[in-house]
Amino acid sequence: MSKILSAVMFFALTSASAFAQAEAATAGTGGWFGTEKATKYFAYFLALGLAVYGGTQGQSKAAAVALEGIARNPAAADKIQTPMILALALMESLVIFALISTFLV
């Protein structure tokens, strides 16, 4: 779990610096830490990474619990599967919403 969080943080940090390089060159501040746009991109991509991490953790936990319930009582598979798929779709839509809102702002 720590490796996943490290990877998310790495991509969040490197993507923010990639977007901020052009801004730093034109602003003349001597670095990208001083620009407001770079700070905004850093915050957005950090929030996106946390949203994706939380969404995947929620989806894996929901799927594991549903499959465990089906394994214990195979007759209840129809009653468990439909709400699980609905919950997974709603979790995924929140992650997609975070992705879209990050690139629109």
PDB file of N, CA and C in Angstrom:
ATOM      1  N   MET A   1       0.819  -1.172   0.000  1.00  0.00           N
ATOM      2  CA  MET A   1       0.000   0.000   0.000  1.00  0.00           C
ATOM      3  C   MET A   1       0.873   1.249   0.000  1.00  0.00           C
ATOM      4  N   SER A   2       1.985   1.183   0.678  1.00  0.00           N
ATOM      5  CA  SER A   2       2.897   2.313   0.725  1.00  0.00           C
ATOM      6  C   SER A   2       3.539   2.562  -0.647  1.00  0.00           C
ATOM      7  N   LYS A   3       3.763   1.492  -1.417  1.00  0.00           N
ATOM      8  CA  LYS A   3       4.336   1.656  -2.753  1.00  0.00           C
ATOM      9  C   LYS A   3       3.360   2.369  -3.674  1.00  0.00           C
ATOM     10  N   ILE A   4       2.081   2.072  -3.531  1.00  0.00           N
ATOM     11  CA  ILE A   4       1.075   2.723  -4.368  1.00  0.00           C
ATOM     12  C   ILE A   4       1.000   4.200  -4.030  1.00  0.00           C
ATOM     13  N   LEU A   5       0.981   4.514  -2.748  1.00  0.00           N
ATOM     14  CA  LEU A   5       0.931   5.910  -2.332  1.00  0.00           C
ATOM     15  C   LEU A   5       2.181   6.648  -2.790  1.00  0.00           C
ATOM     16  N   SER A   6       3.330   6.001  -2.739  1.00  0.00           N
ATOM     17  CA  SER A   6       4.562   6.622  -3.213  1.00  0.00           C
ATOM     18  C   SER A   6       4.497   6.896  -4.710  1.00  0.00           C
ATOM     19  N   ALA A   7       3.946   5.959  -5.459  1.00  0.00           N
ATOM     20  CA  ALA A   7       3.824   6.155  -6.905  1.00  0.00           C
ATOM     21  C   ALA A   7       2.871   7.294  -7.223  1.00  0.00           C
ATOM     22  N   VAL A   8       1.768   7.366  -6.503  1.00  0.00           N
ATOM     23  CA  VAL A   8       0.806   8.453  -6.733  1.00  0.00           C
ATOM     24  C   VAL A   8       1.445   9.802  -6.421  1.00  0.00           C
ATOM     25  N   MET A   9       2.164   9.874  -5.317  1.00  0.00           N
ATOM     26  CA  MET A   9       2.824  11.129  -4.959  1.00  0.00           C
ATOM     27  C   MET A   9       3.893  11.506  -5.986  1.00  0.00           C
ATOM     28  N   PHE A  10       4.631  10.512  -6.490  1.00  0.00           N
ATOM     29  CA  PHE A  10       5.655  10.786  -7.500  1.00  0.00           C
ATOM     30  C   PHE A  10       5.034  11.383  -8.752  1.00  0.00           C
ATOM     31  N   PHE A  11       3.951  10.776  -9.245  1.00  0.00           N
ATOM     32  CA  PHE A  11       3.319  11.281 -10.450  1.00  0.00           C
ATOM     33  C   PHE A  11       2.672  12.643 -10.214  1.00  0.00           C
ATOM     34  N   ALA A  12       2.145  12.863  -9.030  1.00  0.00           N
ATOM     35  CA  ALA A  12       1.563  14.168  -8.729  1.00  0.00           C
ATOM     36  C   ALA A  12       2.636  15.247  -8.722  1.00  0.00           C
ATOM     37  N   LEU A  13       3.786  14.942  -8.151  1.00  0.00           N
ATOM     38  CA  LEU A  13       4.853  15.928  -8.083  1.00  0.00           C
ATOM     39  C   LEU A  13       5.492  16.175  -9.439  1.00  0.00           C
ATOM     40  N   THR A  14       5.716  15.124 -10.208  1.00  0.00           N
ATOM     41  CA  THR A  14       6.372  15.317 -11.501  1.00  0.00           C
ATOM     42  C   THR A  14       5.450  15.983 -12.506  1.00  0.00           C
ATOM     43  N   SER A  15       4.161  15.709 -12.455  1.00  0.00           N
ATOM     44  CA  SER A  15       3.256  16.358 -13.400  1.00  0.00           C
ATOM     45  C   SER A  15       3.139  17.842 -13.084  1.00  0.00           C
ATOM     46  N   ALA A  16       3.157  18.212 -11.824  1.00  0.00           N
ATOM     47  CA  ALA A  16       3.075  19.629 -11.466  1.00  0.00           C
ATOM     48  C   ALA A  16       4.318  20.370 -11.946  1.00  0.00           C
ATOM     49  N   SER A  17       5.485  19.748 -11.823  1.00  0.00           N
ATOM     50  CA  SER A  17       6.695  20.429 -12.264  1.00  0.00           C
ATOM     51  C   SER A  17       6.755  20.522 -13.787  1.00  0.00           C
ATOM     52  N   ALA A  18       6.187  19.561 -14.485  1.00  0.00           N
ATOM     53  CA  ALA A  18       6.191  19.614 -15.944  1.00  0.00           C
ATOM     54  C   ALA A  18       5.324  20.756 -16.445  1.00  0.00           C
ATOM     55  N   PHE A  19       4.187  20.985 -15.816  1.00  0.00           N
ATOM     56  CA  PHE A  19       3.312  22.072 -16.234  1.00  0.00           C
ATOM     57  C   PHE A  19       3.867  23.428 -15.817  1.00  0.00           C
ATOM     58  N   ALA A  20       4.657  23.460 -14.794  1.00  0.00           N
ATOM     59  CA  ALA A  20       5.114  24.731 -14.260  1.00  0.00           C
ATOM     60  C   ALA A  20       6.380  25.246 -14.930  1.00  0.00           C
ATOM     61  N   GLN A  21       7.058  24.455 -15.727  1.00  0.00           N
ATOM     62  CA  GLN A  21       8.316  24.880 -16.309  1.00  0.00           C
ATOM     63  C   GLN A  21       8.133  26.042 -17.274  1.00  0.00           C
ATOM     64  N   ALA A  22       7.096  26.015 -18.074  1.00  0.00           N
ATOM     65  CA  ALA A  22       6.874  27.110 -19.014  1.00  0.00           C
ATOM     66  C   ALA A  22       6.517  28.394 -18.276  1.00  0.00           C
ATOM     67  N   GLU A  23       5.762  28.289 -17.220  1.00  0.00           N
ATOM     68  CA  GLU A  23       5.379  29.456 -16.426  1.00  0.00           C
ATOM     69  C   GLU A  23       6.592  30.089 -15.761  1.00  0.00           C
ATOM     70  N   ALA A  24       7.494  29.270 -15.252  1.00  0.00           N
ATOM     71  CA  ALA A  24       8.675  29.792 -14.576  1.00  0.00           C
ATOM     72  C   ALA A  24       9.595  30.503 -15.566  1.00  0.00           C
ATOM     73  N   ALA A  25       9.643  30.011 -16.791  1.00  0.00           N
ATOM     74  CA  ALA A  25      10.501  30.635 -17.789  1.00  0.00           C
ATOM     75  C   ALA A  25       9.988  32.021 -18.167  1.00  0.00           C
ATOM     76  N   THR A  26       8.685  32.186 -18.210  1.00  0.00           N
ATOM     77  CA  THR A  26       8.139  33.477 -18.606  1.00  0.00           C
ATOM     78  C   THR A  26       8.009  34.431 -17.424  1.00  0.00           C
ATOM     79  N   ALA A  27       7.854  33.922 -16.225  1.00  0.00           N
ATOM     80  CA  ALA A  27       7.645  34.790 -15.072  1.00  0.00           C
ATOM     81  C   ALA A  27       8.947  35.415 -14.585  1.00  0.00           C
ATOM     82  N   GLY A  28      10.055  34.724 -14.753  1.00  0.00           N
ATOM     83  CA  GLY A  28      11.338  35.258 -14.330  1.00  0.00           C
ATOM     84  C   GLY A  28      11.508  35.285 -12.820  1.00  0.00           C
ATOM     85  N   THR A  29      10.837  34.384 -12.117  1.00  0.00           N
ATOM     86  CA  THR A  29      10.942  34.364 -10.659  1.00  0.00           C
ATOM     87  C   THR A  29      12.108  33.514 -10.193  1.00  0.00           C
ATOM     88  N   GLY A  30      12.756  32.795 -11.075  1.00  0.00           N
ATOM     89  CA  GLY A  30      13.898  31.989 -10.689  1.00  0.00           C
ATOM     90  C   GLY A  30      13.522  30.570 -10.319  1.00  0.00           C
ATOM     91  N   GLY A  31      12.289  30.217 -10.343  1.00  0.00           N
ATOM     92  CA  GLY A  31      11.858  28.863 -10.016  1.00  0.00           C
ATOM     93  C   GLY A  31      10.356  28.751 -10.118  1.00  0.00           C
ATOM     94  N   TRP A  32       9.874  27.547 -10.109  1.00  0.00           N
ATOM     95  CA  TRP A  32       8.435  27.355 -10.277  1.00  0.00           C
ATOM     96  C   TRP A  32       7.687  27.359  -8.964  1.00  0.00           C
ATOM     97  N   PHE A  33       8.396  27.408  -7.839  1.00  0.00           N
ATOM     98  CA  PHE A  33       7.722  27.419  -6.548  1.00  0.00           C
ATOM     99  C   PHE A  33       7.013  28.739  -6.297  1.00  0.00           C
ATOM    100  N   GLY A  34       7.495  29.800  -6.891  1.00  0.00           N
ATOM    101  CA  GLY A  34       6.924  31.109  -6.630  1.00  0.00           C
ATOM    102  C   GLY A  34       5.691  31.434  -7.449  1.00  0.00           C
ATOM    103  N   THR A  35       5.384  30.646  -8.431  1.00  0.00           N
ATOM    104  CA  THR A  35       4.260  30.993  -9.289  1.00  0.00           C
ATOM    105  C   THR A  35       2.958  30.449  -8.723  1.00  0.00           C
ATOM    106  N   GLU A  36       1.928  31.226  -8.886  1.00  0.00           N
ATOM    107  CA  GLU A  36       0.616  30.832  -8.379  1.00  0.00           C
ATOM    108  C   GLU A  36       0.035  29.684  -9.207  1.00  0.00           C
ATOM    109  N   LYS A  37       0.283  29.716 -10.496  1.00  0.00           N
ATOM    110  CA  LYS A  37      -0.254  28.676 -11.376  1.00  0.00           C
ATOM    111  C   LYS A  37       0.350  27.310 -11.040  1.00  0.00           C
ATOM    112  N   ALA A  38       1.630  27.277 -10.741  1.00  0.00           N
ATOM    113  CA  ALA A  38       2.284  26.010 -10.401  1.00  0.00           C
ATOM    114  C   ALA A  38       1.743  25.447  -9.101  1.00  0.00           C
ATOM    115  N   THR A  39       1.493  26.319  -8.144  1.00  0.00           N
ATOM    116  CA  THR A  39       0.929  25.869  -6.873  1.00  0.00           C
ATOM    117  C   THR A  39      -0.467  25.314  -7.072  1.00  0.00           C
ATOM    118  N   LYS A  40      -1.225  25.955  -7.939  1.00  0.00           N
ATOM    119  CA  LYS A  40      -2.581  25.490  -8.231  1.00  0.00           C
ATOM    120  C   LYS A  40      -2.541  24.118  -8.907  1.00  0.00           C
ATOM    121  N   TYR A  41      -1.652  23.942  -9.879  1.00  0.00           N
ATOM    122  CA  TYR A  41      -1.535  22.641 -10.534  1.00  0.00           C
ATOM    123  C   TYR A  41      -1.095  21.566  -9.556  1.00  0.00           C
ATOM    124  N   PHE A  42      -0.182  21.900  -8.676  1.00  0.00           N
ATOM    125  CA  PHE A  42       0.275  20.935  -7.683  1.00  0.00           C
ATOM    126  C   PHE A  42      -0.884  20.487  -6.792  1.00  0.00           C
ATOM    127  N   ALA A  43      -1.687  21.437  -6.353  1.00  0.00           N
ATOM    128  CA  ALA A  43      -2.824  21.100  -5.492  1.00  0.00           C
ATOM    129  C   ALA A  43      -3.853  20.260  -6.242  1.00  0.00           C
ATOM    130  N   TYR A  44      -4.114  20.587  -7.491  1.00  0.00           N
ATOM    131  CA  TYR A  44      -5.097  19.831  -8.270  1.00  0.00           C
ATOM    132  C   TYR A  44      -4.651  18.391  -8.490  1.00  0.00           C
ATOM    133  N   PHE A  45      -3.404  18.218  -8.866  1.00  0.00           N
ATOM    134  CA  PHE A  45      -2.946  16.864  -9.142  1.00  0.00           C
ATOM    135  C   PHE A  45      -2.738  16.050  -7.867  1.00  0.00           C
ATOM    136  N   LEU A  46      -2.449  16.711  -6.777  1.00  0.00           N
ATOM    137  CA  LEU A  46      -2.399  16.013  -5.499  1.00  0.00           C
ATOM    138  C   LEU A  46      -3.802  15.548  -5.103  1.00  0.00           C
ATOM    139  N   ALA A  47      -4.792  16.415  -5.306  1.00  0.00           N
ATOM    140  CA  ALA A  47      -6.179  16.039  -5.019  1.00  0.00           C
ATOM    141  C   ALA A  47      -6.636  14.910  -5.935  1.00  0.00           C
ATOM    142  N   LEU A  48      -6.235  14.941  -7.198  1.00  0.00           N
ATOM    143  CA  LEU A  48      -6.589  13.870  -8.128  1.00  0.00           C
ATOM    144  C   LEU A  48      -5.971  12.555  -7.681  1.00  0.00           C
ATOM    145  N   GLY A  49      -4.725  12.586  -7.274  1.00  0.00           N
ATOM    146  CA  GLY A  49      -4.079  11.366  -6.799  1.00  0.00           C
ATOM    147  C   GLY A  49      -4.757  10.790  -5.581  1.00  0.00           C
ATOM    148  N   LEU A  50      -5.147  11.644  -4.656  1.00  0.00           N
ATOM    149  CA  LEU A  50      -5.841  11.167  -3.465  1.00  0.00           C
ATOM    150  C   LEU A  50      -7.228  10.630  -3.807  1.00  0.00           C
ATOM    151  N   ALA A  51      -7.914  11.265  -4.754  1.00  0.00           N
ATOM    152  CA  ALA A  51      -9.241  10.784  -5.152  1.00  0.00           C
ATOM    153  C   ALA A  51      -9.152   9.425  -5.831  1.00  0.00           C
ATOM    154  N   VAL A  52      -8.173   9.254  -6.681  1.00  0.00           N
ATOM    155  CA  VAL A  52      -7.993   7.966  -7.358  1.00  0.00           C
ATOM    156  C   VAL A  52      -7.614   6.883  -6.356  1.00  0.00           C
ATOM    157  N   TYR A  53      -6.735   7.225  -5.430  1.00  0.00           N
ATOM    158  CA  TYR A  53      -6.323   6.255  -4.415  1.00  0.00           C
ATOM    159  C   TYR A  53      -7.516   5.840  -3.553  1.00  0.00           C
ATOM    160  N   GLY A  54      -8.297   6.795  -3.120  1.00  0.00           N
ATOM    161  CA  GLY A  54      -9.469   6.479  -2.314  1.00  0.00           C
ATOM    162  C   GLY A  54     -10.514   5.686  -3.078  1.00  0.00           C
ATOM    163  N   GLY A  55     -10.699   6.028  -4.346  1.00  0.00           N
ATOM    164  CA  GLY A  55     -11.662   5.296  -5.168  1.00  0.00           C
ATOM    165  C   GLY A  55     -11.261   3.851  -5.390  1.00  0.00           C
ATOM    166  N   THR A  56      -9.998   3.619  -5.650  1.00  0.00           N
ATOM    167  CA  THR A  56      -9.559   2.242  -5.871  1.00  0.00           C
ATOM    168  C   THR A  56      -9.607   1.432  -4.584  1.00  0.00           C
ATOM    169  N   GLN A  57      -9.300   2.070  -3.462  1.00  0.00           N
ATOM    170  CA  GLN A  57      -9.392   1.355  -2.190  1.00  0.00           C
ATOM    171  C   GLN A  57     -10.843   0.990  -1.880  1.00  0.00           C
ATOM    172  N   GLY A  58     -11.761   1.910  -2.144  1.00  0.00           N
ATOM    173  CA  GLY A  58     -13.175   1.634  -1.914  1.00  0.00           C
ATOM    174  C   GLY A  58     -13.715   0.553  -2.823  1.00  0.00           C
ATOM    175  N   GLN A  59     -13.306   0.599  -4.092  1.00  0.00           N
ATOM    176  CA  GLN A  59     -13.764  -0.417  -5.033  1.00  0.00           C
ATOM    177  C   GLN A  59     -13.234  -1.791  -4.670  1.00  0.00           C
ATOM    178  N   SER A  60     -11.980  -1.875  -4.294  1.00  0.00           N
ATOM    179  CA  SER A  60     -11.423  -3.189  -3.959  1.00  0.00           C
ATOM    180  C   SER A  60     -12.062  -3.743  -2.693  1.00  0.00           C
ATOM    181  N   LYS A  61     -12.333  -2.892  -1.729  1.00  0.00           N
ATOM    182  CA  LYS A  61     -12.969  -3.344  -0.489  1.00  0.00           C
ATOM    183  C   LYS A  61     -14.405  -3.807  -0.766  1.00  0.00           C
ATOM    184  N   ALA A  62     -15.150  -3.064  -1.581  1.00  0.00           N
ATOM    185  CA  ALA A  62     -16.528  -3.434  -1.901  1.00  0.00           C
ATOM    186  C   ALA A  62     -16.579  -4.756  -2.665  1.00  0.00           C
ATOM    187  N   ALA A  63     -15.688  -4.914  -3.626  1.00  0.00           N
ATOM    188  CA  ALA A  63     -15.673  -6.156  -4.402  1.00  0.00           C
ATOM    189  C   ALA A  63     -15.277  -7.344  -3.523  1.00  0.00           C
ATOM    190  N   ALA A  64     -14.315  -7.146  -2.632  1.00  0.00           N
ATOM    191  CA  ALA A  64     -13.878  -8.235  -1.760  1.00  0.00           C
ATOM    192  C   ALA A  64     -14.989  -8.677  -0.820  1.00  0.00           C
ATOM    193  N   VAL A  65     -15.702  -7.710  -0.253  1.00  0.00           N
ATOM    194  CA  VAL A  65     -16.782  -8.047   0.675  1.00  0.00           C
ATOM    195  C   VAL A  65     -17.933  -8.721  -0.068  1.00  0.00           C
ATOM    196  N   ALA A  66     -18.245  -8.233  -1.267  1.00  0.00           N
ATOM    197  CA  ALA A  66     -19.334  -8.840  -2.038  1.00  0.00           C
ATOM    198  C   ALA A  66     -18.985 -10.270  -2.450  1.00  0.00           C
ATOM    199  N   LEU A  67     -17.773 -10.484  -2.892  1.00  0.00           N
ATOM    200  CA  LEU A  67     -17.374 -11.837  -3.288  1.00  0.00           C
ATOM    201  C   LEU A  67     -17.313 -12.774  -2.091  1.00  0.00           C
ATOM    202  N   GLU A  68     -16.933 -12.234  -0.956  1.00  0.00           N
ATOM    203  CA  GLU A  68     -16.937 -13.052   0.258  1.00  0.00           C
ATOM    204  C   GLU A  68     -18.366 -13.448   0.645  1.00  0.00           C
ATOM    205  N   GLY A  69     -19.288 -12.509   0.492  1.00  0.00           N
ATOM    206  CA  GLY A  69     -20.694 -12.818   0.778  1.00  0.00           C
ATOM    207  C   GLY A  69     -21.265 -13.838  -0.184  1.00  0.00           C
ATOM    208  N   ILE A  70     -20.895 -13.751  -1.441  1.00  0.00           N
ATOM    209  CA  ILE A  70     -21.356 -14.729  -2.438  1.00  0.00           C
ATOM    210  C   ILE A  70     -20.745 -16.094  -2.145  1.00  0.00           C
ATOM    211  N   ALA A  71     -19.491 -16.118  -1.717  1.00  0.00           N
ATOM    212  CA  ALA A  71     -18.842 -17.396  -1.415  1.00  0.00           C
ATOM    213  C   ALA A  71     -19.495 -18.076  -0.206  1.00  0.00           C
ATOM    214  N   ARG A  72     -19.943 -17.278   0.743  1.00  0.00           N
ATOM    215  CA  ARG A  72     -20.586 -17.872   1.925  1.00  0.00           C
ATOM    216  C   ARG A  72     -22.007 -18.335   1.631  1.00  0.00           C
ATOM    217  N   ASN A  73     -22.699 -17.608   0.763  1.00  0.00           N
ATOM    218  CA  ASN A  73     -24.084 -17.956   0.449  1.00  0.00           C
ATOM    219  C   ASN A  73     -24.306 -17.787  -1.057  1.00  0.00           C
ATOM    220  N   PRO A  74     -24.015 -18.813  -1.845  1.00  0.00           N
ATOM    221  CA  PRO A  74     -24.149 -18.697  -3.296  1.00  0.00           C
ATOM    222  C   PRO A  74     -25.586 -18.410  -3.765  1.00  0.00           C
ATOM    223  N   ALA A  75     -26.568 -18.754  -2.959  1.00  0.00           N
ATOM    224  CA  ALA A  75     -27.953 -18.497  -3.353  1.00  0.00           C
ATOM    225  C   ALA A  75     -28.261 -17.000  -3.366  1.00  0.00           C
ATOM    226  N   ALA A  76     -27.529 -16.212  -2.623  1.00  0.00           N
ATOM    227  CA  ALA A  76     -27.770 -14.773  -2.550  1.00  0.00           C
ATOM    228  C   ALA A  76     -26.950 -13.983  -3.571  1.00  0.00           C
ATOM    229  N   ALA A  77     -26.365 -14.643  -4.539  1.00  0.00           N
ATOM    230  CA  ALA A  77     -25.496 -13.972  -5.510  1.00  0.00           C
ATOM    231  C   ALA A  77     -26.246 -12.912  -6.301  1.00  0.00           C
ATOM    232  N   ASP A  78     -27.496 -13.188  -6.684  1.00  0.00           N
ATOM    233  CA  ASP A  78     -28.263 -12.201  -7.457  1.00  0.00           C
ATOM    234  C   ASP A  78     -28.575 -10.960  -6.627  1.00  0.00           C
ATOM    235  N   LYS A  79     -28.839 -11.150  -5.352  1.00  0.00           N
ATOM    236  CA  LYS A  79     -29.168 -10.019  -4.487  1.00  0.00           C
ATOM    237  C   LYS A  79     -27.938  -9.202  -4.111  1.00  0.00           C
ATOM    238  N   ILE A  80     -26.772  -9.788  -4.182  1.00  0.00           N
ATOM    239  CA  ILE A  80     -25.538  -9.089  -3.825  1.00  0.00           C
ATOM    240  C   ILE A  80     -24.908  -8.427  -5.046  1.00  0.00           C
ATOM    241  N   GLN A  81     -24.980  -9.066  -6.189  1.00  0.00           N
ATOM    242  CA  GLN A  81     -24.253  -8.612  -7.367  1.00  0.00           C
ATOM    243  C   GLN A  81     -24.771  -7.277  -7.906  1.00  0.00           C
ATOM    244  N   THR A  82     -26.078  -7.089  -7.964  1.00  0.00           N
ATOM    245  CA  THR A  82     -26.622  -5.854  -8.528  1.00  0.00           C
ATOM    246  C   THR A  82     -26.254  -4.623  -7.701  1.00  0.00           C
ATOM    247  N   PRO A  83     -26.448  -4.632  -6.377  1.00  0.00           N
ATOM    248  CA  PRO A  83     -26.010  -3.455  -5.613  1.00  0.00           C
ATOM    249  C   PRO A  83     -24.500  -3.234  -5.655  1.00  0.00           C
ATOM    250  N   MET A  84     -23.727  -4.326  -5.766  1.00  0.00           N
ATOM    251  CA  MET A  84     -22.274  -4.168  -5.849  1.00  0.00           C
ATOM    252  C   MET A  84     -21.891  -3.457  -7.142  1.00  0.00           C
ATOM    253  N   ILE A  85     -22.482  -3.845  -8.251  1.00  0.00           N
ATOM    254  CA  ILE A  85     -22.158  -3.212  -9.529  1.00  0.00           C
ATOM    255  C   ILE A  85     -22.574  -1.741  -9.514  1.00  0.00           C
ATOM    256  N   LEU A  86     -23.721  -1.440  -8.932  1.00  0.00           N
ATOM    257  CA  LEU A  86     -24.171  -0.059  -8.821  1.00  0.00           C
ATOM    258  C   LEU A  86     -23.204   0.758  -7.961  1.00  0.00           C
ATOM    259  N   ALA A  87     -22.778   0.198  -6.845  1.00  0.00           N
ATOM    260  CA  ALA A  87     -21.833   0.901  -5.976  1.00  0.00           C
ATOM    261  C   ALA A  87     -20.492   1.119  -6.665  1.00  0.00           C
ATOM    262  N   LEU A  88     -20.014   0.117  -7.399  1.00  0.00           N
ATOM    263  CA  LEU A  88     -18.752   0.276  -8.126  1.00  0.00           C
ATOM    264  C   LEU A  88     -18.865   1.347  -9.203  1.00  0.00           C
ATOM    265  N   ALA A  89     -20.002   1.412  -9.883  1.00  0.00           N
ATOM    266  CA  ALA A  89     -20.202   2.433 -10.909  1.00  0.00           C
ATOM    267  C   ALA A  89     -20.217   3.829 -10.291  1.00  0.00           C
ATOM    268  N   LEU A  90     -20.854   3.972  -9.138  1.00  0.00           N
ATOM    269  CA  LEU A  90     -20.883   5.278  -8.483  1.00  0.00           C
ATOM    270  C   LEU A  90     -19.501   5.691  -7.985  1.00  0.00           C
ATOM    271  N   MET A  91     -18.729   4.740  -7.473  1.00  0.00           N
ATOM    272  CA  MET A  91     -17.369   5.056  -7.033  1.00  0.00           C
ATOM    273  C   MET A  91     -16.505   5.478  -8.212  1.00  0.00           C
ATOM    274  N   GLU A  92     -16.648   4.782  -9.319  1.00  0.00           N
ATOM    275  CA  GLU A  92     -15.857   5.113 -10.500  1.00  0.00           C
ATOM    276  C   GLU A  92     -16.264   6.476 -11.062  1.00  0.00           C
ATOM    277  N   SER A  93     -17.541   6.804 -10.982  1.00  0.00           N
ATOM    278  CA  SER A  93     -17.977   8.108 -11.487  1.00  0.00           C
ATOM    279  C   SER A  93     -17.381   9.242 -10.658  1.00  0.00           C
ATOM    280  N   LEU A  94     -17.184   9.045  -9.368  1.00  0.00           N
ATOM    281  CA  LEU A  94     -16.548  10.075  -8.556  1.00  0.00           C
ATOM    282  C   LEU A  94     -15.087  10.275  -8.949  1.00  0.00           C
ATOM    283  N   VAL A  95     -14.405   9.189  -9.269  1.00  0.00           N
ATOM    284  CA  VAL A  95     -13.010   9.298  -9.698  1.00  0.00           C
ATOM    285  C   VAL A  95     -12.932   9.999 -11.053  1.00  0.00           C
ATOM    286  N   ILE A  96     -13.841   9.680 -11.960  1.00  0.00           N
ATOM    287  CA  ILE A  96     -13.863  10.341 -13.271  1.00  0.00           C
ATOM    288  C   ILE A  96     -14.203  11.816 -13.111  1.00  0.00           C
ATOM    289  N   PHE A  97     -15.121  12.135 -12.195  1.00  0.00           N
ATOM    290  CA  PHE A  97     -15.448  13.533 -11.919  1.00  0.00           C
ATOM    291  C   PHE A  97     -14.231  14.284 -11.404  1.00  0.00           C
ATOM    292  N   ALA A  98     -13.444  13.674 -10.538  1.00  0.00           N
ATOM    293  CA  ALA A  98     -12.228  14.317 -10.038  1.00  0.00           C
ATOM    294  C   ALA A  98     -11.235  14.548 -11.163  1.00  0.00           C
ATOM    295  N   LEU A  99     -11.117  13.594 -12.067  1.00  0.00           N
ATOM    296  CA  LEU A  99     -10.207  13.735 -13.212  1.00  0.00           C
ATOM    297  C   LEU A  99     -10.643  14.891 -14.105  1.00  0.00           C
ATOM    298  N   ILE A 100     -11.917  14.946 -14.435  1.00  0.00           N
ATOM    299  CA  ILE A 100     -12.423  15.993 -15.313  1.00  0.00           C
ATOM    300  C   ILE A 100     -12.300  17.363 -14.653  1.00  0.00           C
ATOM    301  N   SER A 101     -12.657  17.445 -13.385  1.00  0.00           N
ATOM    302  CA  SER A 101     -12.581  18.750 -12.711  1.00  0.00           C
ATOM    303  C   SER A 101     -11.152  19.224 -12.575  1.00  0.00           C
ATOM    304  N   THR A 102     -10.201  18.317 -12.467  1.00  0.00           N
ATOM    305  CA  THR A 102      -8.795  18.712 -12.387  1.00  0.00           C
ATOM    306  C   THR A 102      -8.337  19.361 -13.687  1.00  0.00           C
ATOM    307  N   PHE A 103      -8.744  18.802 -14.805  1.00  0.00           N
ATOM    308  CA  PHE A 103      -8.289  19.358 -16.084  1.00  0.00           C
ATOM    309  C   PHE A 103      -9.096  20.563 -16.530  1.00  0.00           C
ATOM    310  N   LEU A 104     -10.286  20.760 -15.997  1.00  0.00           N
ATOM    311  CA  LEU A 104     -11.076  21.918 -16.388  1.00  0.00           C
ATOM    312  C   LEU A 104     -10.716  23.183 -15.619  1.00  0.00           C
ATOM    313  N   VAL A 105     -10.174  23.026 -14.442  1.00  0.00           N
ATOM    314  CA  VAL A 105      -9.895  24.209 -13.617  1.00  0.00           C
ATOM    315  C   VAL A 105      -8.524  24.746 -13.869  1.00  0.00           C
TER     316      VAL A 105
END
